[in-house]
Amino acid sequence: MLTMIQQYHIKHLNFHKGKSLRSIAEETGHDFRTVKKYAEQTDFNEIRKPKRGRPSKLDPVKPIIDAWLKEDLNRPVKQRHTARRIYDRLCEEHKDIFNACERTVRNYVSARKKELYGEEEGYLPLEHPAGEAQVDFGEIVMIEQGQKVKGYELILSLPYSNAGYPQIFRGQNQECLLTGLKDIFEYLEHVPRIIWFDNMSAAVAVLGKKESGN
């Protein structure tokens, strides 16, 4: 049996870093079945009993939030809920029982993730001036003729305005990258001054050809 730290490490690599079970098995040296077991495990910590006191405005929707967070374990990293997305869904789908501010939702989601996943991710604040964009490819699950199929979502985001523009493809090669960017630029009628690429092989191939003079 693995130690608690080893179990958390496997969960961290799979849930937070988005690594496949096979790559985690190769990296850690653990058996694939062992990696799968702890990557899918959700009860690392005993769920705390709610403290007695003044009722929270979130009480009616806490089971709903918990269910969404647990369902995220079976989704690609790019498709998992953020606290903002949970807040928006509550406003849209459960406005009859939901009456709390976004900060309250964020605090609860943060605490629940610590309980469910056993560790907390750290982030550094980033500042992006106007005119800068980020581009990333993410794996998604699509429904095609009633069947789940794997696809890829190219997203150009503008951090300054918090806007994002997606394009869906069946692959994530150079042709998809260039086609997606061209369509987005034409829609925006504008090309960002600076574009940051999130370590995409398709972008590296394009830049490599440019630098070599081909």
Protein backbone atom coordinates (compact mmCIF):
# COMPACT_ATOMS: atom_id res chain seq x y z
CA MET A 1 0.00 0.00 0.00
CA LEU A 2 1.29 3.47 -0.89
CA THR A 3 1.91 6.13 1.69
CA MET A 4 -0.50 9.04 1.90
CA ILE A 5 2.09 11.33 0.30
CA GLN A 6 2.49 8.94 -2.64
CA GLN A 7 -1.28 8.74 -3.05
CA TYR A 8 -1.58 12.54 -3.05
CA HIS A 9 1.27 12.79 -5.56
CA ILE A 10 -0.54 10.52 -8.01
CA LYS A 11 -3.76 12.51 -7.59
CA HIS A 12 -1.81 15.75 -8.08
CA LEU A 13 -0.18 14.59 -11.33
CA ASN A 14 -3.50 13.39 -12.76
CA PHE A 15 -5.97 16.02 -11.57
CA HIS A 16 -3.88 19.20 -11.40
CA LYS A 17 -1.27 18.49 -14.07
CA GLY A 18 -3.50 16.57 -16.46
CA LYS A 19 -1.06 13.68 -16.97
CA SER A 20 -2.29 10.34 -18.26
CA LEU A 21 -2.35 7.29 -15.99
CA ARG A 22 0.25 5.52 -18.12
CA SER A 23 2.69 8.45 -17.99
CA ILE A 24 2.22 8.67 -14.22
CA ALA A 25 2.97 4.95 -13.89
CA GLU A 26 6.18 5.40 -15.90
CA GLU A 27 7.19 8.48 -13.91
CA THR A 28 6.53 7.05 -10.44
CA GLY A 29 7.38 3.41 -11.10
CA HIS A 30 4.06 2.23 -9.68
CA ASP A 31 1.87 -0.42 -11.30
CA PHE A 32 -0.75 0.96 -13.73
CA ARG A 33 -3.62 -0.50 -11.68
CA THR A 34 -2.24 1.11 -8.54
CA VAL A 35 -1.99 4.48 -10.28
CA LYS A 36 -5.55 4.14 -11.62
CA LYS A 37 -6.86 3.26 -8.16
CA TYR A 38 -5.44 6.34 -6.45
CA ALA A 39 -6.03 8.70 -9.38
CA GLU A 40 -9.76 7.89 -9.19
CA GLN A 41 -9.94 7.84 -5.38
CA THR A 42 -11.89 10.69 -3.83
CA ASP A 43 -12.01 9.82 -0.12
CA PHE A 44 -8.45 10.69 0.96
CA ASN A 45 -9.82 12.79 3.78
CA GLU A 46 -12.85 12.18 5.88
CA ILE A 47 -15.51 14.72 4.98
CA ARG A 48 -15.80 17.17 7.85
CA LYS A 49 -19.11 17.62 9.55
CA PRO A 50 -20.47 21.13 9.12
CA LYS A 51 -19.95 23.36 12.12
CA ARG A 52 -22.98 24.26 14.12
CA GLY A 53 -23.96 27.87 13.95
CA ARG A 54 -25.68 30.29 11.67
CA PRO A 55 -26.99 28.60 8.50
CA SER A 56 -25.10 29.43 5.32
CA LYS A 57 -26.78 30.76 2.20
CA LEU A 58 -24.95 27.98 0.34
CA ASP A 59 -26.55 25.16 2.33
CA PRO A 60 -29.28 24.45 -0.29
CA VAL A 61 -26.74 24.10 -3.11
CA LYS A 62 -23.75 22.53 -1.36
CA PRO A 63 -24.72 19.00 -2.48
CA ILE A 64 -24.94 20.29 -6.05
CA ILE A 65 -21.48 21.90 -5.87
CA ASP A 66 -19.99 18.74 -4.32
CA ALA A 67 -21.46 16.60 -7.10
CA TRP A 68 -19.96 18.85 -9.80
CA LEU A 69 -16.53 18.74 -8.18
CA LYS A 70 -16.60 14.95 -7.95
CA GLU A 71 -17.75 14.60 -11.56
CA ASP A 72 -14.74 16.70 -12.60
CA LEU A 73 -12.44 13.80 -11.69
CA ASN A 74 -13.51 12.05 -14.90
CA ARG A 75 -13.13 15.12 -17.13
CA PRO A 76 -10.08 16.53 -18.96
CA VAL A 77 -8.35 19.32 -17.07
CA LYS A 78 -9.56 22.03 -19.44
CA GLN A 79 -13.21 21.03 -18.88
CA ARG A 80 -13.23 21.10 -15.09
CA HIS A 81 -15.18 23.66 -13.12
CA THR A 82 -13.64 26.86 -11.85
CA ALA A 83 -15.25 28.64 -8.92
CA ARG A 84 -16.52 31.29 -11.35
CA ARG A 85 -18.11 28.66 -13.59
CA ILE A 86 -19.82 27.07 -10.59
CA TYR A 87 -21.17 30.46 -9.54
CA ASP A 88 -22.49 31.13 -13.06
CA ARG A 89 -24.17 27.71 -13.27
CA LEU A 90 -25.83 28.19 -9.90
CA CYS A 91 -27.21 31.55 -11.06
CA GLU A 92 -28.47 30.06 -14.33
CA GLU A 93 -29.72 26.63 -13.25
CA HIS A 94 -30.66 26.97 -9.56
CA LYS A 95 -31.70 30.59 -9.07
CA ASP A 96 -34.80 29.39 -7.23
CA ILE A 97 -32.68 28.12 -4.29
CA PHE A 98 -29.39 29.98 -4.74
CA ASN A 99 -28.84 33.37 -3.12
CA ALA A 100 -25.16 33.96 -2.34
CA CYS A 101 -22.33 36.13 -3.64
CA GLU A 102 -19.45 34.88 -5.79
CA ARG A 103 -16.92 35.31 -2.95
CA THR A 104 -18.93 32.89 -0.77
CA VAL A 105 -18.91 30.33 -3.60
CA ARG A 106 -15.16 30.77 -4.13
CA ASN A 107 -14.40 30.22 -0.46
CA TYR A 108 -16.51 27.07 -0.30
CA VAL A 109 -15.10 25.62 -3.53
CA SER A 110 -11.55 26.25 -2.34
CA ALA A 111 -12.22 24.51 0.98
CA ARG A 112 -13.99 21.56 -0.66
CA LYS A 113 -11.15 21.00 -3.10
CA LYS A 114 -8.72 20.78 -0.20
CA GLU A 115 -10.93 18.17 1.48
CA LEU A 116 -11.59 16.17 -1.69
CA TYR A 117 -8.14 16.26 -3.26
CA GLY A 118 -5.88 16.61 -0.26
CA GLU A 119 -3.67 19.45 -1.46
CA GLU A 120 -3.77 23.00 -2.65
CA GLU A 121 -2.31 24.45 -5.81
CA GLY A 122 -0.30 27.66 -5.57
CA TYR A 123 -0.46 30.41 -8.16
CA LEU A 124 1.55 33.51 -8.95
CA PRO A 125 -0.36 36.63 -9.95
CA LEU A 126 0.12 37.51 -13.63
CA GLU A 127 -0.32 40.89 -15.26
CA HIS A 128 -1.07 41.28 -18.95
CA PRO A 129 -1.32 44.68 -20.62
CA ALA A 130 -3.93 45.38 -23.28
CA GLY A 131 -3.10 43.92 -26.69
CA GLU A 132 -1.58 40.68 -25.41
CA ALA A 133 -3.13 37.25 -25.97
CA GLN A 134 -2.57 33.64 -24.94
CA VAL A 135 -3.12 30.58 -27.13
CA ASP A 136 -3.55 27.03 -25.91
CA PHE A 137 -4.86 23.68 -27.16
CA GLY A 138 -6.91 21.58 -24.76
CA GLU A 139 -8.36 18.10 -25.03
CA ILE A 140 -12.15 17.94 -24.81
CA VAL A 141 -14.90 15.33 -25.06
CA MET A 142 -17.49 15.94 -27.79
CA ILE A 143 -20.82 14.31 -28.54
CA GLU A 144 -21.01 13.25 -32.18
CA GLN A 145 -24.04 11.31 -33.38
CA GLY A 146 -24.79 10.35 -29.81
CA GLN A 147 -21.27 9.03 -29.14
CA LYS A 148 -18.50 10.56 -27.03
CA VAL A 149 -15.41 11.33 -29.13
CA LYS A 150 -12.14 13.05 -28.32
CA GLY A 151 -11.55 16.47 -29.79
CA TYR A 152 -9.37 19.52 -29.28
CA GLU A 153 -10.24 23.11 -28.44
CA LEU A 154 -7.98 25.93 -29.55
CA ILE A 155 -8.55 28.97 -27.36
CA LEU A 156 -7.21 32.47 -27.87
CA SER A 157 -7.74 34.41 -24.65
CA LEU A 158 -7.25 38.09 -23.91
CA PRO A 159 -6.36 38.25 -20.19
CA TYR A 160 -6.70 42.03 -20.00
CA SER A 161 -10.39 41.92 -20.93
CA ASN A 162 -10.95 38.33 -19.71
CA ALA A 163 -12.37 37.35 -23.11
CA GLY A 164 -11.82 34.02 -24.88
CA TYR A 165 -12.44 32.77 -28.42
CA PRO A 166 -12.50 28.98 -29.10
CA GLN A 167 -12.23 26.86 -32.24
CA ILE A 168 -12.97 23.10 -32.25
CA PHE A 169 -10.89 20.57 -34.21
CA ARG A 170 -10.41 16.82 -34.47
CA GLY A 171 -6.63 17.23 -34.13
CA GLN A 172 -4.06 19.69 -32.76
CA ASN A 173 -1.53 19.92 -35.57
CA GLN A 174 0.01 22.93 -37.31
CA GLU A 175 -2.80 23.21 -39.86
CA CYS A 176 -5.44 23.32 -37.11
CA LEU A 177 -3.45 25.95 -35.22
CA LEU A 178 -3.05 28.27 -38.22
CA THR A 179 -6.62 27.78 -39.43
CA GLY A 180 -8.03 28.45 -35.97
CA LEU A 181 -5.96 31.61 -35.46
CA LYS A 182 -6.88 32.91 -38.93
CA ASP A 183 -10.61 32.42 -38.26
CA ILE A 184 -10.37 34.11 -34.86
CA PHE A 185 -8.40 37.07 -36.22
CA GLU A 186 -10.94 37.55 -39.00
CA TYR A 187 -13.78 37.46 -36.47
CA LEU A 188 -12.04 40.00 -34.21
CA GLU A 189 -10.87 42.09 -37.16
CA HIS A 190 -7.71 42.51 -35.15
CA VAL A 191 -4.40 40.74 -34.48
CA PRO A 192 -2.99 40.93 -30.91
CA ARG A 193 0.30 42.78 -30.50
CA ILE A 194 1.87 39.89 -28.55
CA ILE A 195 0.75 36.25 -28.43
CA TRP A 196 1.97 33.79 -25.78
CA PHE A 197 1.85 30.10 -26.74
CA ASP A 198 1.48 27.51 -23.98
CA ASN A 199 4.30 25.18 -25.06
CA MET A 200 2.36 23.72 -28.01
CA SER A 201 4.22 21.40 -30.38
CA ALA A 202 2.30 22.86 -33.33
CA ALA A 203 3.46 26.37 -32.46
CA VAL A 204 7.03 25.19 -31.87
CA ALA A 205 7.07 23.64 -35.35
CA VAL A 206 5.88 26.92 -36.90
CA LEU A 207 8.45 29.02 -35.03
CA GLY A 208 11.19 26.52 -35.80
CA LYS A 209 10.55 26.81 -39.54
CA LYS A 210 10.49 30.59 -39.33
CA GLU A 211 13.79 30.78 -37.47
CA SER A 212 15.49 28.40 -39.90
CA GLY A 213 14.42 30.56 -42.84
CA ASN A 214 12.16 27.89 -44.42
